[in-house]
Amino acid sequence: MDPLTYSLCQKPVIALAMFVAGACAFPPLFQDEPFALQQADAPMRKEFDAPVGKPYSLNLHFRFPTAAASLADFALAKGSYVLELRSLESQLGLDGVETTVSLVSGDRK
């Protein structure tokens, strides 16, 4: 979606017509890129262009061969770990914005 189309999708009356026509669907910036968690130090690098400035979500998907396999999977063994995240460039416009990261135990993937 280009910036002009995106801005038109923000207008009240025009957006309704464009939404009905399917013109306001925002495609993923990238989708289903492989990321091999089975391999230590496996890199995942993807270059992409963001056509408009807006919030984006980063999702990690797991597809199991069967429903039973999804219930009987990846327990984090007791031990010490290191998680490394890195911002490769400073992100302007985030003054006063608190950013946090969490790793929580749960029953969902």
Protein backbone atom coordinates (compact mmCIF):
# COMPACT_ATOMS: atom_id res chain seq x y z
CA MET A 1 0.00 0.00 0.00
CA ASP A 2 1.44 3.36 -0.93
CA PRO A 3 1.26 6.46 1.31
CA LEU A 4 -1.54 8.08 -0.74
CA THR A 5 -3.78 5.03 -0.53
CA TYR A 6 -3.04 4.70 3.18
CA SER A 7 -3.95 8.35 3.82
CA LEU A 8 -7.22 7.94 1.87
CA CYS A 9 -8.05 4.91 4.02
CA GLN A 10 -7.95 7.24 7.04
CA LYS A 11 -10.71 9.55 5.68
CA PRO A 12 -14.19 8.80 7.08
CA VAL A 13 -16.35 8.51 3.96
CA ILE A 14 -13.70 7.51 1.44
CA ALA A 15 -12.33 4.84 3.80
CA LEU A 16 -15.68 3.06 4.01
CA ALA A 17 -15.91 2.75 0.24
CA MET A 18 -12.27 1.73 -0.05
CA PHE A 19 -12.65 -0.79 2.78
CA VAL A 20 -15.65 -2.41 1.07
CA ALA A 21 -13.63 -2.60 -2.14
CA GLY A 22 -10.73 -4.20 -0.30
CA ALA A 23 -8.38 -1.33 -1.10
CA CYS A 24 -7.52 -0.68 2.56
CA ALA A 25 -6.05 -4.10 3.25
CA PHE A 26 -2.50 -3.58 4.44
CA PRO A 27 -0.25 -6.41 3.31
CA PRO A 28 2.48 -7.74 5.62
CA LEU A 29 5.90 -6.18 5.19
CA PHE A 30 7.16 -9.76 5.10
CA GLN A 31 5.49 -13.04 5.94
CA ASP A 32 6.42 -16.63 6.78
CA GLU A 33 10.17 -16.08 6.56
CA PRO A 34 11.94 -19.19 7.87
CA PHE A 35 13.70 -18.91 11.24
CA ALA A 36 15.44 -22.11 12.35
CA LEU A 37 15.12 -22.29 16.12
CA GLN A 38 16.41 -25.87 15.92
CA GLN A 39 19.90 -24.57 15.11
CA ALA A 40 22.09 -22.67 17.54
CA ASP A 41 23.12 -19.24 16.24
CA ALA A 42 20.88 -19.55 13.20
CA PRO A 43 20.60 -16.04 11.76
CA MET A 44 17.45 -14.47 10.41
CA ARG A 45 17.98 -11.26 8.54
CA LYS A 46 15.38 -9.61 6.38
CA GLU A 47 15.60 -6.21 4.75
CA PHE A 48 12.30 -4.49 4.02
CA ASP A 49 10.80 -1.08 3.33
CA ALA A 50 7.96 0.36 5.40
CA PRO A 51 5.83 2.31 2.91
CA VAL A 52 4.09 4.37 5.62
CA GLY A 53 4.84 5.24 9.21
CA LYS A 54 2.44 3.26 11.43
CA PRO A 55 2.60 0.68 14.23
CA TYR A 56 3.69 -2.78 13.13
CA SER A 57 3.67 -6.05 15.07
CA LEU A 58 6.40 -8.68 15.03
CA ASN A 59 4.89 -12.16 15.31
CA LEU A 60 6.57 -15.52 15.82
CA HIS A 61 4.46 -18.43 14.54
CA PHE A 62 4.80 -22.12 15.30
CA ARG A 63 3.19 -24.72 13.00
CA PHE A 64 3.19 -28.21 14.45
CA PRO A 65 2.65 -31.36 12.37
CA THR A 66 -0.37 -32.35 14.50
CA ALA A 67 -2.56 -30.90 17.23
CA ALA A 68 -1.15 -33.48 19.66
CA ALA A 69 2.38 -32.35 18.87
CA SER A 70 1.49 -28.78 19.77
CA LEU A 71 0.38 -29.91 23.24
CA ALA A 72 3.42 -32.09 23.91
CA ASP A 73 6.21 -29.61 22.84
CA PHE A 74 9.47 -27.02 23.58
CA ALA A 75 9.66 -27.15 27.85
CA LEU A 76 12.40 -24.68 28.81
CA ALA A 77 14.87 -26.76 30.79
CA LYS A 78 16.04 -25.49 34.14
CA GLY A 79 19.24 -23.55 33.69
CA SER A 80 20.82 -20.25 32.78
CA TYR A 81 20.16 -18.57 29.46
CA VAL A 82 21.13 -15.42 27.61
CA LEU A 83 18.68 -13.47 25.47
CA GLU A 84 20.26 -10.80 23.32
CA LEU A 85 18.20 -8.15 21.58
CA ARG A 86 19.79 -5.30 19.71
CA SER A 87 18.46 -2.14 18.15
CA LEU A 88 20.62 -1.62 15.09
CA GLU A 89 19.65 2.02 14.70
CA SER A 90 18.34 4.64 17.09
CA GLN A 91 14.59 5.08 16.75
CA LEU A 92 13.63 8.73 16.61
CA GLY A 93 10.42 9.98 18.15
CA LEU A 94 10.47 7.68 21.17
CA ASP A 95 11.48 10.25 23.79
CA GLY A 96 9.51 9.54 26.93
CA VAL A 97 8.34 6.15 25.65
CA GLU A 98 9.16 3.25 27.95
CA THR A 99 10.10 0.04 26.15
CA THR A 100 10.08 -3.28 27.99
CA VAL A 101 10.60 -6.95 27.13
CA SER A 102 9.07 -9.86 29.01
CA LEU A 103 9.46 -13.64 28.95
CA VAL A 104 6.55 -15.23 30.76
CA SER A 105 5.38 -18.72 31.57
CA GLY A 106 2.04 -19.55 30.09
CA ASP A 107 -0.12 -22.24 28.59
CA ARG A 108 -0.27 -20.74 25.09
CA LYS A 109 2.31 -20.45 22.35
